Amino acid sequence: MNENNLSNTTTNDAVVLADLGTLIREVIGEEWVEDLPIEMGTSFARDLELESIEFVALAERLKEKFGKRVDFANWLGSMELEQILQLRVGQLVEFIVRCNSAPPTA
């Protein structure tokens, strides 16, 4: 990977992380989350205490924001319960970036 691609990846990650932080705060809708830093290492279960209905709402918002290529529900459905419980914001950021950089399918 050349330096330009690395820079674009870092920029993409930062932009997606910022957008994702906004969406997560909207979905949770609680005052306590407004001042909570949402970073790559933030845990959905432990740090954000996201419940299943909030995951559903997040999936809808992700589709609206990033398009149908980011199939969060399907991606999440492919995981074991333990993987979901350990899911970090950074893993979702990487998934979104991968989906949006992949060539479109026919």
PDB file of N, CA and C in Angstrom:
ATOM      1  N   MET A   1       0.854  -1.169   0.000  1.00  0.00           N
ATOM      2  CA  MET A   1       0.000   0.000   0.000  1.00  0.00           C
ATOM      3  C   MET A   1       0.900   1.232   0.000  1.00  0.00           C
ATOM      4  N   ASN A   2       0.691   2.135  -0.945  1.00  0.00           N
ATOM      5  CA  ASN A   2       1.538   3.319  -0.956  1.00  0.00           C
ATOM      6  C   ASN A   2       1.045   4.337   0.067  1.00  0.00           C
ATOM      7  N   GLU A   3       1.847   5.370   0.273  1.00  0.00           N
ATOM      8  CA  GLU A   3       1.550   6.357   1.313  1.00  0.00           C
ATOM      9  C   GLU A   3       0.220   7.063   1.068  1.00  0.00           C
ATOM     10  N   ASN A   4      -0.106   7.304  -0.192  1.00  0.00           N
ATOM     11  CA  ASN A   4      -1.363   7.961  -0.548  1.00  0.00           C
ATOM     12  C   ASN A   4      -2.570   7.118  -0.152  1.00  0.00           C
ATOM     13  N   ASN A   5      -2.519   5.818  -0.443  1.00  0.00           N
ATOM     14  CA  ASN A   5      -3.616   4.924  -0.063  1.00  0.00           C
ATOM     15  C   ASN A   5      -3.763   4.838   1.443  1.00  0.00           C
ATOM     16  N   LEU A   6      -2.634   4.795   2.155  1.00  0.00           N
ATOM     17  CA  LEU A   6      -2.671   4.736   3.609  1.00  0.00           C
ATOM     18  C   LEU A   6      -3.322   5.993   4.169  1.00  0.00           C
ATOM     19  N   SER A   7      -2.975   7.128   3.598  1.00  0.00           N
ATOM     20  CA  SER A   7      -3.559   8.399   4.032  1.00  0.00           C
ATOM     21  C   SER A   7      -5.066   8.411   3.769  1.00  0.00           C
ATOM     22  N   ASN A   8      -5.490   7.943   2.603  1.00  0.00           N
ATOM     23  CA  ASN A   8      -6.919   7.880   2.287  1.00  0.00           C
ATOM     24  C   ASN A   8      -7.651   6.950   3.241  1.00  0.00           C
ATOM     25  N   THR A   9      -7.048   5.809   3.560  1.00  0.00           N
ATOM     26  CA  THR A   9      -7.666   4.860   4.482  1.00  0.00           C
ATOM     27  C   THR A   9      -7.833   5.493   5.851  1.00  0.00           C
ATOM     28  N   THR A  10      -6.789   6.165   6.322  1.00  0.00           N
ATOM     29  CA  THR A  10      -6.854   6.821   7.622  1.00  0.00           C
ATOM     30  C   THR A  10      -7.926   7.897   7.613  1.00  0.00           C
ATOM     31  N   THR A  11      -7.988   8.692   6.548  1.00  0.00           N
ATOM     32  CA  THR A  11      -8.995   9.735   6.427  1.00  0.00           C
ATOM     33  C   THR A  11     -10.384   9.112   6.390  1.00  0.00           C
ATOM     34  N   ASN A  12     -10.554   8.074   5.577  1.00  0.00           N
ATOM     35  CA  ASN A  12     -11.848   7.395   5.499  1.00  0.00           C
ATOM     36  C   ASN A  12     -12.272   6.873   6.861  1.00  0.00           C
ATOM     37  N   ASP A  13     -11.345   6.236   7.577  1.00  0.00           N
ATOM     38  CA  ASP A  13     -11.648   5.710   8.910  1.00  0.00           C
ATOM     39  C   ASP A  13     -12.096   6.834   9.836  1.00  0.00           C
ATOM     40  N   ALA A  14     -11.382   7.954   9.806  1.00  0.00           N
ATOM     41  CA  ALA A  14     -11.707   9.079  10.693  1.00  0.00           C
ATOM     42  C   ALA A  14     -13.073   9.662  10.360  1.00  0.00           C
ATOM     43  N   VAL A  15     -13.376   9.798   9.081  1.00  0.00           N
ATOM     44  CA  VAL A  15     -14.671  10.341   8.659  1.00  0.00           C
ATOM     45  C   VAL A  15     -15.792   9.384   9.043  1.00  0.00           C
ATOM     46  N   VAL A  16     -15.610   8.116   8.759  1.00  0.00           N
ATOM     47  CA  VAL A  16     -16.629   7.113   9.099  1.00  0.00           C
ATOM     48  C   VAL A  16     -16.809   7.043  10.614  1.00  0.00           C
ATOM     49  N   LEU A  17     -15.718   7.089  11.369  1.00  0.00           N
ATOM     50  CA  LEU A  17     -15.812   7.065  12.828  1.00  0.00           C
ATOM     51  C   LEU A  17     -16.623   8.258  13.340  1.00  0.00           C
ATOM     52  N   ALA A  18     -16.371   9.428  12.802  1.00  0.00           N
ATOM     53  CA  ALA A  18     -17.117  10.624  13.219  1.00  0.00           C
ATOM     54  C   ALA A  18     -18.602  10.479  12.885  1.00  0.00           C
ATOM     55  N   ASP A  19     -18.895  10.032  11.671  1.00  0.00           N
ATOM     56  CA  ASP A  19     -20.295   9.817  11.260  1.00  0.00           C
ATOM     57  C   ASP A  19     -20.959   8.756  12.128  1.00  0.00           C
ATOM     58  N   LEU A  20     -20.248   7.684  12.383  1.00  0.00           N
ATOM     59  CA  LEU A  20     -20.779   6.587  13.181  1.00  0.00           C
ATOM     60  C   LEU A  20     -21.043   7.045  14.615  1.00  0.00           C
ATOM     61  N   GLY A  21     -20.141   7.844  15.166  1.00  0.00           N
ATOM     62  CA  GLY A  21     -20.348   8.383  16.506  1.00  0.00           C
ATOM     63  C   GLY A  21     -21.642   9.179  16.589  1.00  0.00           C
ATOM     64  N   THR A  22     -21.896   9.989  15.579  1.00  0.00           N
ATOM     65  CA  THR A  22     -23.143  10.764  15.531  1.00  0.00           C
ATOM     66  C   THR A  22     -24.355   9.847  15.480  1.00  0.00           C
ATOM     67  N   LEU A  23     -24.304   8.840  14.619  1.00  0.00           N
ATOM     68  CA  LEU A  23     -25.432   7.905  14.487  1.00  0.00           C
ATOM     69  C   LEU A  23     -25.673   7.145  15.789  1.00  0.00           C
ATOM     70  N   ILE A  24     -24.614   6.695  16.425  1.00  0.00           N
ATOM     71  CA  ILE A  24     -24.746   5.951  17.684  1.00  0.00           C
ATOM     72  C   ILE A  24     -25.386   6.837  18.749  1.00  0.00           C
ATOM     73  N   ARG A  25     -24.940   8.076  18.839  1.00  0.00           N
ATOM     74  CA  ARG A  25     -25.518   8.997  19.828  1.00  0.00           C
ATOM     75  C   ARG A  25     -27.004   9.230  19.563  1.00  0.00           C
ATOM     76  N   GLU A  26     -27.371   9.357  18.280  1.00  0.00           N
ATOM     77  CA  GLU A  26     -28.780   9.536  17.917  1.00  0.00           C
ATOM     78  C   GLU A  26     -29.602   8.312  18.316  1.00  0.00           C
ATOM     79  N   VAL A  27     -29.077   7.135  18.049  1.00  0.00           N
ATOM     80  CA  VAL A  27     -29.795   5.890  18.347  1.00  0.00           C
ATOM     81  C   VAL A  27     -29.976   5.715  19.859  1.00  0.00           C
ATOM     82  N   ILE A  28     -28.929   5.963  20.614  1.00  0.00           N
ATOM     83  CA  ILE A  28     -29.014   5.804  22.066  1.00  0.00           C
ATOM     84  C   ILE A  28     -29.923   6.883  22.653  1.00  0.00           C
ATOM     85  N   GLY A  29     -29.765   8.113  22.184  1.00  0.00           N
ATOM     86  CA  GLY A  29     -30.652   9.190  22.573  1.00  0.00           C
ATOM     87  C   GLY A  29     -30.643   9.553  24.051  1.00  0.00           C
ATOM     88  N   GLU A  30     -29.586   9.218  24.751  1.00  0.00           N
ATOM     89  CA  GLU A  30     -29.476   9.521  26.179  1.00  0.00           C
ATOM     90  C   GLU A  30     -28.424  10.614  26.383  1.00  0.00           C
ATOM     91  N   GLU A  31     -28.646  11.421  27.398  1.00  0.00           N
ATOM     92  CA  GLU A  31     -27.742  12.524  27.676  1.00  0.00           C
ATOM     93  C   GLU A  31     -26.317  12.058  28.007  1.00  0.00           C
ATOM     94  N   TRP A  32     -26.193  10.936  28.721  1.00  0.00           N
ATOM     95  CA  TRP A  32     -24.881  10.464  29.160  1.00  0.00           C
ATOM     96  C   TRP A  32     -23.937  10.158  28.002  1.00  0.00           C
ATOM     97  N   VAL A  33     -24.490   9.817  26.840  1.00  0.00           N
ATOM     98  CA  VAL A  33     -23.635   9.422  25.713  1.00  0.00           C
ATOM     99  C   VAL A  33     -23.075  10.639  24.967  1.00  0.00           C
ATOM    100  N   GLU A  34     -23.662  11.808  25.184  1.00  0.00           N
ATOM    101  CA  GLU A  34     -23.206  13.005  24.480  1.00  0.00           C
ATOM    102  C   GLU A  34     -21.740  13.340  24.765  1.00  0.00           C
ATOM    103  N   ASP A  35     -21.312  13.141  26.000  1.00  0.00           N
ATOM    104  CA  ASP A  35     -19.938  13.473  26.376  1.00  0.00           C
ATOM    105  C   ASP A  35     -18.992  12.279  26.344  1.00  0.00           C
ATOM    106  N   LEU A  36     -19.516  11.118  25.997  1.00  0.00           N
ATOM    107  CA  LEU A  36     -18.697   9.906  25.953  1.00  0.00           C
ATOM    108  C   LEU A  36     -17.899   9.871  24.649  1.00  0.00           C
ATOM    109  N   PRO A  37     -16.568   9.745  24.747  1.00  0.00           N
ATOM    110  CA  PRO A  37     -15.800   9.628  23.503  1.00  0.00           C
ATOM    111  C   PRO A  37     -16.102   8.279  22.828  1.00  0.00           C
ATOM    112  N   ILE A  38     -16.478   8.328  21.573  1.00  0.00           N
ATOM    113  CA  ILE A  38     -16.709   7.097  20.806  1.00  0.00           C
ATOM    114  C   ILE A  38     -15.514   6.946  19.875  1.00  0.00           C
ATOM    115  N   GLU A  39     -14.687   5.945  20.200  1.00  0.00           N
ATOM    116  CA  GLU A  39     -13.424   5.728  19.510  1.00  0.00           C
ATOM    117  C   GLU A  39     -13.393   4.327  18.920  1.00  0.00           C
ATOM    118  N   MET A  40     -12.313   4.023  18.206  1.00  0.00           N
ATOM    119  CA  MET A  40     -12.185   2.715  17.549  1.00  0.00           C
ATOM    120  C   MET A  40     -12.279   1.572  18.563  1.00  0.00           C
ATOM    121  N   GLY A  41     -11.783   1.768  19.781  1.00  0.00           N
ATOM    122  CA  GLY A  41     -11.782   0.711  20.785  1.00  0.00           C
ATOM    123  C   GLY A  41     -13.026   0.658  21.652  1.00  0.00           C
ATOM    124  N   THR A  42     -13.978   1.540  21.394  1.00  0.00           N
ATOM    125  CA  THR A  42     -15.205   1.575  22.201  1.00  0.00           C
ATOM    126  C   THR A  42     -16.021   0.310  21.958  1.00  0.00           C
ATOM    127  N   SER A  43     -16.453  -0.322  23.032  1.00  0.00           N
ATOM    128  CA  SER A  43     -17.237  -1.556  22.956  1.00  0.00           C
ATOM    129  C   SER A  43     -18.728  -1.226  22.902  1.00  0.00           C
ATOM    130  N   PHE A  44     -19.438  -1.860  21.978  1.00  0.00           N
ATOM    131  CA  PHE A  44     -20.884  -1.660  21.890  1.00  0.00           C
ATOM    132  C   PHE A  44     -21.591  -2.170  23.139  1.00  0.00           C
ATOM    133  N   ALA A  45     -21.151  -3.307  23.651  1.00  0.00           N
ATOM    134  CA  ALA A  45     -21.823  -3.921  24.799  1.00  0.00           C
ATOM    135  C   ALA A  45     -21.408  -3.268  26.117  1.00  0.00           C
ATOM    136  N   ARG A  46     -20.126  -3.215  26.378  1.00  0.00           N
ATOM    137  CA  ARG A  46     -19.657  -2.749  27.679  1.00  0.00           C
ATOM    138  C   ARG A  46     -19.702  -1.226  27.808  1.00  0.00           C
ATOM    139  N   ASP A  47     -19.169  -0.503  26.835  1.00  0.00           N
ATOM    140  CA  ASP A  47     -19.075   0.953  26.942  1.00  0.00           C
ATOM    141  C   ASP A  47     -20.381   1.666  26.578  1.00  0.00           C
ATOM    142  N   LEU A  48     -21.034   1.195  25.520  1.00  0.00           N
ATOM    143  CA  LEU A  48     -22.237   1.870  25.036  1.00  0.00           C
ATOM    144  C   LEU A  48     -23.531   1.217  25.516  1.00  0.00           C
ATOM    145  N   GLU A  49     -23.414  -0.018  26.011  1.00  0.00           N
ATOM    146  CA  GLU A  49     -24.565  -0.775  26.512  1.00  0.00           C
ATOM    147  C   GLU A  49     -25.710  -0.814  25.494  1.00  0.00           C
ATOM    148  N   LEU A  50     -25.349  -1.011  24.219  1.00  0.00           N
ATOM    149  CA  LEU A  50     -26.348  -1.063  23.153  1.00  0.00           C
ATOM    150  C   LEU A  50     -27.211  -2.308  23.293  1.00  0.00           C
ATOM    151  N   GLU A  51     -28.506  -2.124  23.202  1.00  0.00           N
ATOM    152  CA  GLU A  51     -29.454  -3.232  23.282  1.00  0.00           C
ATOM    153  C   GLU A  51     -29.853  -3.645  21.869  1.00  0.00           C
ATOM    154  N   SER A  52     -30.464  -4.811  21.756  1.00  0.00           N
ATOM    155  CA  SER A  52     -30.781  -5.355  20.432  1.00  0.00           C
ATOM    156  C   SER A  52     -31.651  -4.415  19.607  1.00  0.00           C
ATOM    157  N   ILE A  53     -32.620  -3.763  20.219  1.00  0.00           N
ATOM    158  CA  ILE A  53     -33.482  -2.841  19.466  1.00  0.00           C
ATOM    159  C   ILE A  53     -32.672  -1.651  18.955  1.00  0.00           C
ATOM    160  N   GLU A  54     -31.655  -1.260  19.704  1.00  0.00           N
ATOM    161  CA  GLU A  54     -30.793  -0.166  19.256  1.00  0.00           C
ATOM    162  C   GLU A  54     -29.898  -0.609  18.094  1.00  0.00           C
ATOM    163  N   PHE A  55     -29.505  -1.876  18.080  1.00  0.00           N
ATOM    164  CA  PHE A  55     -28.755  -2.405  16.931  1.00  0.00           C
ATOM    165  C   PHE A  55     -29.618  -2.349  15.674  1.00  0.00           C
ATOM    166  N   VAL A  56     -30.896  -2.658  15.814  1.00  0.00           N
ATOM    167  CA  VAL A  56     -31.821  -2.607  14.677  1.00  0.00           C
ATOM    168  C   VAL A  56     -31.927  -1.172  14.162  1.00  0.00           C
ATOM    169  N   ALA A  57     -32.093  -0.228  15.081  1.00  0.00           N
ATOM    170  CA  ALA A  57     -32.180   1.180  14.701  1.00  0.00           C
ATOM    171  C   ALA A  57     -30.882   1.651  14.048  1.00  0.00           C
ATOM    172  N   LEU A  58     -29.752   1.201  14.582  1.00  0.00           N
ATOM    173  CA  LEU A  58     -28.457   1.564  14.008  1.00  0.00           C
ATOM    174  C   LEU A  58     -28.324   1.009  12.596  1.00  0.00           C
ATOM    175  N   ALA A  59     -28.779  -0.205  12.383  1.00  0.00           N
ATOM    176  CA  ALA A  59     -28.723  -0.816  11.044  1.00  0.00           C
ATOM    177  C   ALA A  59     -29.473   0.040  10.029  1.00  0.00           C
ATOM    178  N   GLU A  60     -30.643   0.534  10.415  1.00  0.00           N
ATOM    179  CA  GLU A  60     -31.433   1.385   9.522  1.00  0.00           C
ATOM    180  C   GLU A  60     -30.705   2.689   9.219  1.00  0.00           C
ATOM    181  N   ARG A  61     -30.142   3.288  10.227  1.00  0.00           N
ATOM    182  CA  ARG A  61     -29.425   4.563  10.039  1.00  0.00           C
ATOM    183  C   ARG A  61     -28.173   4.375   9.192  1.00  0.00           C
ATOM    184  N   LEU A  62     -27.500   3.236   9.375  1.00  0.00           N
ATOM    185  CA  LEU A  62     -26.317   2.951   8.557  1.00  0.00           C
ATOM    186  C   LEU A  62     -26.704   2.818   7.091  1.00  0.00           C
ATOM    187  N   LYS A  63     -27.814   2.165   6.833  1.00  0.00           N
ATOM    188  CA  LYS A  63     -28.287   1.992   5.456  1.00  0.00           C
ATOM    189  C   LYS A  63     -28.612   3.358   4.840  1.00  0.00           C
ATOM    190  N   GLU A  64     -29.259   4.228   5.618  1.00  0.00           N
ATOM    191  CA  GLU A  64     -29.592   5.570   5.132  1.00  0.00           C
ATOM    192  C   GLU A  64     -28.330   6.387   4.851  1.00  0.00           C
ATOM    193  N   LYS A  65     -27.361   6.304   5.747  1.00  0.00           N
ATOM    194  CA  LYS A  65     -26.149   7.121   5.653  1.00  0.00           C
ATOM    195  C   LYS A  65     -25.158   6.595   4.616  1.00  0.00           C
ATOM    196  N   PHE A  66     -24.932   5.276   4.614  1.00  0.00           N
ATOM    197  CA  PHE A  66     -23.861   4.708   3.801  1.00  0.00           C
ATOM    198  C   PHE A  66     -24.349   3.888   2.609  1.00  0.00           C
ATOM    199  N   GLY A  67     -25.645   3.640   2.514  1.00  0.00           N
ATOM    200  CA  GLY A  67     -26.187   2.900   1.387  1.00  0.00           C
ATOM    201  C   GLY A  67     -26.381   1.418   1.680  1.00  0.00           C
ATOM    202  N   LYS A  68     -27.034   0.741   0.752  1.00  0.00           N
ATOM    203  CA  LYS A  68     -27.393  -0.671   0.919  1.00  0.00           C
ATOM    204  C   LYS A  68     -26.188  -1.597   0.956  1.00  0.00           C
ATOM    205  N   ARG A  69     -25.059  -1.128   0.442  1.00  0.00           N
ATOM    206  CA  ARG A  69     -23.857  -1.975   0.430  1.00  0.00           C
ATOM    207  C   ARG A  69     -23.378  -2.283   1.840  1.00  0.00           C
ATOM    208  N   VAL A  70     -23.719  -1.429   2.791  1.00  0.00           N
ATOM    209  CA  VAL A  70     -23.344  -1.656   4.186  1.00  0.00           C
ATOM    210  C   VAL A  70     -24.495  -2.404   4.846  1.00  0.00           C
ATOM    211  N   ASP A  71     -24.467  -3.724   4.721  1.00  0.00           N
ATOM    212  CA  ASP A  71     -25.537  -4.580   5.264  1.00  0.00           C
ATOM    213  C   ASP A  71     -25.154  -5.019   6.670  1.00  0.00           C
ATOM    214  N   PHE A  72     -25.336  -4.102   7.602  1.00  0.00           N
ATOM    215  CA  PHE A  72     -24.952  -4.317   8.994  1.00  0.00           C
ATOM    216  C   PHE A  72     -25.682  -5.510   9.595  1.00  0.00           C
ATOM    217  N   ALA A  73     -26.980  -5.618   9.340  1.00  0.00           N
ATOM    218  CA  ALA A  73     -27.772  -6.712   9.923  1.00  0.00           C
ATOM    219  C   ALA A  73     -27.238  -8.074   9.470  1.00  0.00           C
ATOM    220  N   ASN A  74     -26.919  -8.215   8.206  1.00  0.00           N
ATOM    221  CA  ASN A  74     -26.389  -9.474   7.681  1.00  0.00           C
ATOM    222  C   ASN A  74     -25.006  -9.759   8.259  1.00  0.00           C
ATOM    223  N   TRP A  75     -24.173  -8.738   8.330  1.00  0.00           N
ATOM    224  CA  TRP A  75     -22.827  -8.878   8.891  1.00  0.00           C
ATOM    225  C   TRP A  75     -22.904  -9.302  10.349  1.00  0.00           C
ATOM    226  N   LEU A  76     -23.759  -8.640  11.106  1.00  0.00           N
ATOM    227  CA  LEU A  76     -23.933  -8.976  12.515  1.00  0.00           C
ATOM    228  C   LEU A  76     -24.496 -10.387  12.670  1.00  0.00           C
ATOM    229  N   GLY A  77     -25.411 -10.757  11.783  1.00  0.00           N
ATOM    230  CA  GLY A  77     -26.025 -12.081  11.823  1.00  0.00           C
ATOM    231  C   GLY A  77     -25.043 -13.211  11.548  1.00  0.00           C
ATOM    232  N   SER A  78     -23.916 -12.896  10.936  1.00  0.00           N
ATOM    233  CA  SER A  78     -22.908 -13.920  10.638  1.00  0.00           C
ATOM    234  C   SER A  78     -21.999 -14.191  11.836  1.00  0.00           C
ATOM    235  N   MET A  79     -22.193 -13.442  12.918  1.00  0.00           N
ATOM    236  CA  MET A  79     -21.321 -13.573  14.088  1.00  0.00           C
ATOM    237  C   MET A  79     -21.944 -14.441  15.164  1.00  0.00           C
ATOM    238  N   GLU A  80     -21.065 -15.038  15.961  1.00  0.00           N
ATOM    239  CA  GLU A  80     -21.485 -15.764  17.153  1.00  0.00           C
ATOM    240  C   GLU A  80     -21.802 -14.737  18.241  1.00  0.00           C
ATOM    241  N   LEU A  81     -22.599 -15.136  19.227  1.00  0.00           N
ATOM    242  CA  LEU A  81     -22.983 -14.244  20.308  1.00  0.00           C
ATOM    243  C   LEU A  81     -21.757 -13.619  20.992  1.00  0.00           C
ATOM    244  N   GLU A  82     -20.744 -14.418  21.247  1.00  0.00           N
ATOM    245  CA  GLU A  82     -19.538 -13.909  21.917  1.00  0.00           C
ATOM    246  C   GLU A  82     -18.863 -12.820  21.086  1.00  0.00           C
ATOM    247  N   GLN A  83     -18.853 -12.986  19.762  1.00  0.00           N
ATOM    248  CA  GLN A  83     -18.261 -11.974  18.885  1.00  0.00           C
ATOM    249  C   GLN A  83     -19.055 -10.670  18.955  1.00  0.00           C
ATOM    250  N   ILE A  84     -20.374 -10.786  18.995  1.00  0.00           N
ATOM    251  CA  ILE A  84     -21.222  -9.596  19.085  1.00  0.00           C
ATOM    252  C   ILE A  84     -20.984  -8.877  20.417  1.00  0.00           C
ATOM    253  N   LEU A  85     -20.877  -9.648  21.481  1.00  0.00           N
ATOM    254  CA  LEU A  85     -20.655  -9.053  22.797  1.00  0.00           C
ATOM    255  C   LEU A  85     -19.300  -8.343  22.888  1.00  0.00           C
ATOM    256  N   GLN A  86     -18.345  -8.769  22.077  1.00  0.00           N
ATOM    257  CA  GLN A  86     -17.011  -8.155  22.082  1.00  0.00           C
ATOM    258  C   GLN A  86     -16.824  -7.134  20.960  1.00  0.00           C
ATOM    259  N   LEU A  87     -17.868  -6.888  20.176  1.00  0.00           N
ATOM    260  CA  LEU A  87     -17.780  -6.002  19.011  1.00  0.00           C
ATOM    261  C   LEU A  87     -17.383  -4.581  19.419  1.00  0.00           C
ATOM    262  N   ARG A  88     -16.438  -4.048  18.689  1.00  0.00           N
ATOM    263  CA  ARG A  88     -15.942  -2.694  18.933  1.00  0.00           C
ATOM    264  C   ARG A  88     -16.322  -1.783  17.764  1.00  0.00           C
ATOM    265  N   VAL A  89     -16.417  -0.515  18.051  1.00  0.00           N
ATOM    266  CA  VAL A  89     -16.775   0.478  17.037  1.00  0.00           C
ATOM    267  C   VAL A  89     -15.804   0.403  15.859  1.00  0.00           C
ATOM    268  N   GLY A  90     -14.521   0.210  16.139  1.00  0.00           N
ATOM    269  CA  GLY A  90     -13.522   0.137  15.077  1.00  0.00           C
ATOM    270  C   GLY A  90     -13.771  -0.986  14.078  1.00  0.00           C
ATOM    271  N   GLN A  91     -14.310  -2.103  14.556  1.00  0.00           N
ATOM    272  CA  GLN A  91     -14.625  -3.208  13.641  1.00  0.00           C
ATOM    273  C   GLN A  91     -15.733  -2.794  12.667  1.00  0.00           C
ATOM    274  N   LEU A  92     -16.705  -2.048  13.176  1.00  0.00           N
ATOM    275  CA  LEU A  92     -17.781  -1.572  12.307  1.00  0.00           C
ATOM    276  C   LEU A  92     -17.258  -0.515  11.335  1.00  0.00           C
ATOM    277  N   VAL A  93     -16.385   0.353  11.807  1.00  0.00           N
ATOM    278  CA  VAL A  93     -15.775   1.356  10.920  1.00  0.00           C
ATOM    279  C   VAL A  93     -15.056   0.652   9.772  1.00  0.00           C
ATOM    280  N   GLU A  94     -14.251  -0.349  10.090  1.00  0.00           N
ATOM    281  CA  GLU A  94     -13.510  -1.086   9.060  1.00  0.00           C
ATOM    282  C   GLU A  94     -14.465  -1.788   8.090  1.00  0.00           C
ATOM    283  N   PHE A  95     -15.559  -2.341   8.607  1.00  0.00           N
ATOM    284  CA  PHE A  95     -16.553  -2.997   7.763  1.00  0.00           C
ATOM    285  C   PHE A  95     -17.172  -1.991   6.791  1.00  0.00           C
ATOM    286  N   ILE A  96     -17.536  -0.824   7.286  1.00  0.00           N
ATOM    287  CA  ILE A  96     -18.150   0.207   6.438  1.00  0.00           C
ATOM    288  C   ILE A  96     -17.182   0.659   5.357  1.00  0.00           C
ATOM    289  N   VAL A  97     -15.938   0.912   5.735  1.00  0.00           N
ATOM    290  CA  VAL A  97     -14.927   1.343   4.765  1.00  0.00           C
ATOM    291  C   VAL A  97     -14.732   0.265   3.702  1.00  0.00           C
ATOM    292  N   ARG A  98     -14.645  -1.007   4.127  1.00  0.00           N
ATOM    293  CA  ARG A  98     -14.490  -2.124   3.169  1.00  0.00           C
ATOM    294  C   ARG A  98     -15.672  -2.174   2.213  1.00  0.00           C
ATOM    295  N   CYS A  99     -16.884  -2.069   2.739  1.00  0.00           N
ATOM    296  CA  CYS A  99     -18.075  -2.142   1.888  1.00  0.00           C
ATOM    297  C   CYS A  99     -18.103  -1.017   0.859  1.00  0.00           C
ATOM    298  N   ASN A 100     -17.720   0.169   1.278  1.00  0.00           N
ATOM    299  CA  ASN A 100     -17.768   1.326   0.383  1.00  0.00           C
ATOM    300  C   ASN A 100     -16.594   1.404  -0.571  1.00  0.00           C
ATOM    301  N   SER A 101     -15.537   0.617  -0.336  1.00  0.00           N
ATOM    302  CA  SER A 101     -14.407   0.628  -1.252  1.00  0.00           C
ATOM    303  C   SER A 101     -14.408  -0.573  -2.187  1.00  0.00           C
ATOM    304  N   ALA A 102     -15.289  -1.540  -1.922  1.00  0.00           N
ATOM    305  CA  ALA A 102     -15.376  -2.720  -2.784  1.00  0.00           C
ATOM    306  C   ALA A 102     -16.060  -2.357  -4.093  1.00  0.00           C
ATOM    307  N   PRO A 103     -15.637  -2.988  -5.186  1.00  0.00           N
ATOM    308  CA  PRO A 103     -16.300  -2.706  -6.470  1.00  0.00           C
ATOM    309  C   PRO A 103     -17.760  -3.174  -6.406  1.00  0.00           C
ATOM    310  N   PRO A 104     -18.663  -2.438  -7.044  1.00  0.00           N
ATOM    311  CA  PRO A 104     -20.073  -2.828  -7.024  1.00  0.00           C
ATOM    312  C   PRO A 104     -20.295  -4.185  -7.688  1.00  0.00           C
ATOM    313  N   THR A 105     -21.261  -4.919  -7.164  1.00  0.00           N
ATOM    314  CA  THR A 105     -21.603  -6.204  -7.780  1.00  0.00           C
ATOM    315  C   THR A 105     -22.754  -5.989  -8.740  1.00  0.00           C
ATOM    316  N   ALA A 106     -22.839  -6.858  -9.718  1.00  0.00           N
ATOM    317  CA  ALA A 106     -23.849  -6.712 -10.769  1.00  0.00           C
ATOM    318  C   ALA A 106     -25.244  -6.984 -10.256  1.00  0.00           C
TER     319      ALA A 106
END
